[in-house]
Amino acid sequence: MTPMTLEIYNRIQALPPGSILVTGGNGIFSFMLENSPATIACLKQMARQHLRIVNVPLGIENPPFFKYCIDAAGVDESVGGPWKYGRDYVALPYLPGGESTRILFLKDVKQTVNTDIYGTPISQIPLMNDVKDASSFAYWIDSSGTDIPSLVRTSIAMYNLPVIGFTHAYYYSVYTPYLAMYPGKIWLTNGIIGGAQYETLMNIKGLGHSGIDTYQLVSIYFYALFILGNIVMHFGKKEEEQ
């Protein structure tokens, strides 16, 4: 268990019930396997703690990814979860414009978007009545794996809104300098390992554990091939010498 994953868990755990978080961004659905275990586990934690969340898609593949994570987490009341759509979580429609739209959204939510993804006016959605601007949110939760530089420039630098990022293992190594640049403002999990750690904190076994188990089995397989290859080569040389 890394201290960073544990700190993220503890920070979410410490939020008062009713606190609102914001998520969303860009990303490619098929590229998000590494991000989803931590995202799903965190959604379970948020629902358990009676927190609320708003999804802001800045990429066209974000809406189905968010729905997938909600379904996988089993937090909606339709499957016995504690969350009710509109009261506890909201999915906004795809908003073009990338970083410029993120800046506008955090400046004035209601001037940036008028409806949710289903076409319901946000004035009719209970959760959205409590959302005004960046000050309405406790954290920006990034599950895209690629939005951290933009979030540093906007969420942190412009609006002082802290960021939690569930990143790929590769991007974790790229983004770690931000941890030193903005201490106490940004926290990252490390790929599927971070997801498995978050699952452990939530006492569940999901994609993170499955992924780590697969990696371990593949590693053992390749080590076995390496050893077998050396044995074959060793005896092959002996036969040649004879």
Protein backbone atom coordinates (compact mmCIF):
# COMPACT_ATOMS: atom_id res chain seq x y z
CA MET A 1 0.00 0.00 0.00
CA THR A 2 1.50 3.33 -1.05
CA PRO A 3 1.09 6.38 1.23
CA MET A 4 -0.43 8.36 -1.67
CA THR A 5 -3.29 5.90 -2.29
CA LEU A 6 -3.98 5.75 1.44
CA GLU A 7 -4.04 9.55 1.67
CA ILE A 8 -6.55 9.80 -1.19
CA TYR A 9 -8.77 7.27 0.54
CA ASN A 10 -8.52 9.13 3.85
CA ARG A 11 -9.27 12.48 2.24
CA ILE A 12 -12.46 11.16 0.65
CA GLN A 13 -13.34 9.48 3.94
CA ALA A 14 -12.94 12.78 5.82
CA LEU A 15 -15.36 14.77 3.65
CA PRO A 16 -18.64 15.76 5.34
CA PRO A 17 -21.77 14.00 4.01
CA GLY A 18 -23.32 15.95 1.16
CA SER A 19 -19.98 17.25 -0.15
CA ILE A 20 -19.86 17.54 -3.93
CA LEU A 21 -17.03 16.36 -6.17
CA VAL A 22 -16.60 16.91 -9.89
CA THR A 23 -15.20 14.47 -12.42
CA GLY A 24 -15.04 14.02 -16.18
CA GLY A 25 -12.72 15.27 -18.86
CA ASN A 26 -11.21 13.58 -21.89
CA GLY A 27 -9.86 10.08 -22.38
CA ILE A 28 -10.39 7.05 -24.58
CA PHE A 29 -12.74 4.42 -23.15
CA SER A 30 -10.64 1.44 -24.27
CA PHE A 31 -7.53 3.11 -22.80
CA MET A 32 -9.05 3.44 -19.33
CA LEU A 33 -8.70 -0.12 -18.00
CA GLU A 34 -5.91 1.01 -15.69
CA ASN A 35 -7.97 3.93 -14.40
CA SER A 36 -11.28 2.18 -13.84
CA PRO A 37 -10.45 0.00 -10.78
CA ALA A 38 -9.58 3.01 -8.59
CA THR A 39 -12.46 5.03 -10.07
CA ILE A 40 -15.01 2.29 -9.35
CA ALA A 41 -13.70 1.73 -5.81
CA CYS A 42 -13.74 5.48 -5.13
CA LEU A 43 -17.35 5.78 -6.37
CA LYS A 44 -18.30 3.02 -3.95
CA GLN A 45 -16.60 4.93 -1.16
CA MET A 46 -18.33 8.20 -2.12
CA ALA A 47 -21.75 6.54 -2.12
CA ARG A 48 -21.05 4.90 1.23
CA GLN A 49 -20.04 8.27 2.68
CA HIS A 50 -23.15 9.98 1.24
CA LEU A 51 -21.09 12.25 -1.00
CA ARG A 52 -22.28 13.59 -4.36
CA ILE A 53 -20.63 13.90 -7.77
CA VAL A 54 -21.11 15.71 -11.09
CA ASN A 55 -19.63 14.33 -14.31
CA VAL A 56 -18.43 16.90 -16.87
CA PRO A 57 -17.50 15.22 -20.19
CA LEU A 58 -14.94 17.15 -22.22
CA GLY A 59 -14.35 14.17 -24.53
CA ILE A 60 -16.94 12.18 -26.46
CA GLU A 61 -15.95 8.87 -24.85
CA ASN A 62 -16.28 10.13 -21.30
CA PRO A 63 -20.10 9.75 -20.94
CA PRO A 64 -20.12 5.97 -21.62
CA PHE A 65 -17.06 5.54 -19.36
CA PHE A 66 -18.82 7.31 -16.49
CA LYS A 67 -21.95 5.17 -16.97
CA TYR A 68 -19.79 2.05 -17.05
CA CYS A 69 -18.13 3.02 -13.75
CA ILE A 70 -21.46 3.83 -12.09
CA ASP A 71 -22.88 0.48 -13.23
CA ALA A 72 -19.76 -1.44 -12.20
CA ALA A 73 -19.75 0.23 -8.78
CA GLY A 74 -23.37 -0.76 -8.23
CA VAL A 75 -24.17 2.52 -6.50
CA ASP A 76 -27.47 3.42 -8.21
CA GLU A 77 -30.69 2.75 -6.33
CA SER A 78 -31.98 0.69 -9.27
CA VAL A 79 -29.50 -2.05 -8.30
CA GLY A 80 -29.80 -1.58 -4.56
CA GLY A 81 -27.22 1.17 -4.17
CA PRO A 82 -27.60 4.31 -2.04
CA TRP A 83 -27.38 6.86 -4.86
CA LYS A 84 -30.32 8.36 -6.72
CA TYR A 85 -29.73 10.05 -10.06
CA GLY A 86 -30.28 13.80 -9.87
CA ARG A 87 -29.99 13.85 -6.10
CA ASP A 88 -26.60 12.19 -5.56
CA TYR A 89 -24.98 12.10 -9.00
CA VAL A 90 -25.49 13.85 -12.32
CA ALA A 91 -24.16 13.16 -15.81
CA LEU A 92 -23.81 16.27 -17.96
CA PRO A 93 -23.67 16.12 -21.78
CA TYR A 94 -20.48 16.24 -23.82
CA LEU A 95 -19.18 19.82 -23.76
CA PRO A 96 -16.84 20.73 -26.64
CA GLY A 97 -13.99 23.16 -26.17
CA GLY A 98 -11.60 21.23 -23.98
CA GLU A 99 -9.63 23.30 -21.50
CA SER A 100 -11.48 26.52 -22.34
CA THR A 101 -14.76 24.86 -21.40
CA ARG A 102 -13.27 23.58 -18.14
CA ILE A 103 -12.26 27.16 -17.26
CA LEU A 104 -15.77 28.46 -18.02
CA PHE A 105 -17.44 25.61 -16.15
CA LEU A 106 -15.44 26.23 -12.99
CA LYS A 107 -16.10 29.96 -13.28
CA ASP A 108 -19.89 29.68 -13.75
CA VAL A 109 -21.57 26.29 -14.08
CA LYS A 110 -25.01 27.50 -15.09
CA GLN A 111 -23.62 29.78 -17.80
CA THR A 112 -21.70 26.84 -19.28
CA VAL A 113 -24.32 24.08 -19.40
CA ASN A 114 -28.13 24.14 -19.46
CA THR A 115 -29.19 20.49 -19.33
CA ASP A 116 -27.95 17.10 -18.23
CA ILE A 117 -27.12 14.31 -20.69
CA TYR A 118 -30.81 13.33 -20.87
CA GLY A 119 -31.97 16.84 -21.76
CA THR A 120 -33.37 17.71 -18.33
CA PRO A 121 -32.84 21.41 -17.49
CA ILE A 122 -30.30 21.67 -14.68
CA SER A 123 -32.69 23.98 -12.84
CA GLN A 124 -34.90 20.91 -12.34
CA ILE A 125 -32.10 18.73 -10.97
CA PRO A 126 -31.76 18.93 -7.16
CA LEU A 127 -28.00 18.36 -7.06
CA MET A 128 -27.32 21.06 -9.63
CA ASN A 129 -29.13 23.61 -7.48
CA ASP A 130 -26.21 23.29 -5.05
CA VAL A 131 -23.59 23.82 -7.75
CA LYS A 132 -22.46 27.31 -8.69
CA ASP A 133 -18.73 27.38 -9.50
CA ALA A 134 -15.38 25.87 -8.44
CA SER A 135 -16.08 26.73 -4.81
CA SER A 136 -19.00 24.25 -4.85
CA PHE A 137 -16.64 21.28 -5.20
CA ALA A 138 -14.30 19.56 -2.75
CA TYR A 139 -12.07 17.92 -5.40
CA TRP A 140 -11.80 17.36 -9.11
CA ILE A 141 -11.51 13.60 -9.61
CA ASP A 142 -9.66 12.82 -12.85
CA SER A 143 -10.20 9.38 -14.35
CA SER A 144 -9.08 10.23 -17.89
CA GLY A 145 -5.43 9.55 -17.16
CA THR A 146 -4.35 12.34 -19.50
CA ASP A 147 -5.97 15.53 -18.14
CA ILE A 148 -3.59 16.25 -15.26
CA PRO A 149 -1.55 19.00 -17.02
CA SER A 150 -4.78 20.80 -17.97
CA LEU A 151 -6.15 20.40 -14.45
CA VAL A 152 -2.94 21.82 -12.98
CA ARG A 153 -3.27 24.88 -15.23
CA THR A 154 -6.98 25.39 -14.55
CA SER A 155 -8.43 23.66 -11.49
CA ILE A 156 -5.38 24.18 -9.26
CA ALA A 157 -3.63 27.29 -10.59
CA MET A 158 -6.75 29.32 -11.46
CA TYR A 159 -9.39 28.13 -8.99
CA ASN A 160 -7.45 26.51 -6.13
CA LEU A 161 -9.53 23.36 -6.52
CA PRO A 162 -7.49 20.27 -5.47
CA VAL A 163 -7.15 17.36 -7.88
CA ILE A 164 -7.17 13.59 -7.34
CA GLY A 165 -5.98 11.66 -10.38
CA PHE A 166 -6.45 7.97 -11.12
CA THR A 167 -3.68 7.68 -13.72
CA HIS A 168 -2.02 5.08 -15.91
CA ALA A 169 1.29 3.70 -14.68
CA TYR A 170 3.13 5.48 -17.52
CA TYR A 171 1.48 8.84 -16.87
CA TYR A 172 2.06 8.48 -13.14
CA SER A 173 5.80 8.65 -13.83
CA VAL A 174 5.30 11.65 -16.12
CA TYR A 175 3.05 13.59 -13.73
CA THR A 176 4.89 13.02 -10.44
CA PRO A 177 6.76 16.39 -10.72
CA TYR A 178 3.39 18.08 -10.17
CA LEU A 179 3.27 16.48 -6.72
CA ALA A 180 6.36 18.47 -5.74
CA MET A 181 5.20 21.62 -7.50
CA TYR A 182 1.76 21.68 -5.83
CA PRO A 183 2.03 19.87 -2.49
CA GLY A 184 -1.31 19.45 -0.78
CA LYS A 185 -3.15 20.20 -4.03
CA ILE A 186 -2.75 17.05 -6.13
CA TRP A 187 -2.64 13.31 -5.43
CA LEU A 188 -2.23 10.41 -7.89
CA THR A 189 -2.70 6.65 -7.90
CA ASN A 190 -0.29 4.50 -9.89
CA GLY A 191 -2.04 2.56 -12.65
CA ILE A 192 -3.77 -0.73 -11.99
CA ILE A 193 -1.62 -1.27 -8.89
CA GLY A 194 -3.14 1.85 -7.38
CA GLY A 195 -6.57 0.52 -8.29
CA ALA A 196 -5.89 -2.78 -6.54
CA GLN A 197 -4.68 -0.88 -3.47
CA TYR A 198 -7.87 1.20 -3.43
CA GLU A 199 -9.93 -1.98 -3.72
CA THR A 200 -8.05 -3.38 -0.72
CA LEU A 201 -8.93 -0.29 1.32
CA MET A 202 -12.57 -0.79 0.33
CA ASN A 203 -12.35 -4.52 1.13
CA ILE A 204 -13.41 -5.53 -2.38
CA LYS A 205 -11.80 -7.47 -5.21
CA GLY A 206 -12.39 -6.09 -8.68
CA LEU A 207 -10.54 -5.27 -11.88
CA GLY A 208 -7.47 -4.10 -9.98
CA HIS A 209 -6.93 -7.45 -8.28
CA SER A 210 -7.75 -9.34 -11.49
CA GLY A 211 -5.24 -7.24 -13.41
CA ILE A 212 -2.47 -7.71 -10.87
CA ASP A 213 -3.13 -11.47 -10.75
CA THR A 214 -2.88 -11.59 -14.54
CA TYR A 215 0.37 -9.62 -14.55
CA GLN A 216 1.85 -11.97 -11.98
CA LEU A 217 0.82 -15.09 -13.91
CA VAL A 218 2.25 -13.68 -17.14
CA SER A 219 5.48 -12.76 -15.34
CA ILE A 220 5.79 -16.30 -13.94
CA TYR A 221 5.13 -17.71 -17.42
CA PHE A 222 7.90 -15.63 -19.00
CA TYR A 223 10.34 -16.48 -16.20
CA ALA A 224 9.53 -20.16 -16.76
CA LEU A 225 10.21 -19.77 -20.50
CA PHE A 226 13.48 -17.99 -19.73
CA ILE A 227 14.61 -20.80 -17.39
CA LEU A 228 13.47 -23.49 -19.83
CA GLY A 229 15.30 -21.77 -22.67
CA ASN A 230 18.52 -21.66 -20.69
CA ILE A 231 18.21 -25.33 -19.76
CA VAL A 232 17.66 -26.32 -23.39
CA MET A 233 20.59 -24.15 -24.50
CA HIS A 234 22.83 -25.63 -21.78
CA PHE A 235 22.16 -29.24 -22.74
CA GLY A 236 22.32 -28.34 -26.42
CA LYS A 237 25.86 -27.03 -25.96
CA LYS A 238 26.87 -30.21 -24.11
CA GLU A 239 25.61 -32.36 -26.96
CA GLU A 240 27.57 -30.24 -29.44
CA GLU A 241 30.75 -30.61 -27.38
CA GLN A 242 30.32 -34.39 -27.23
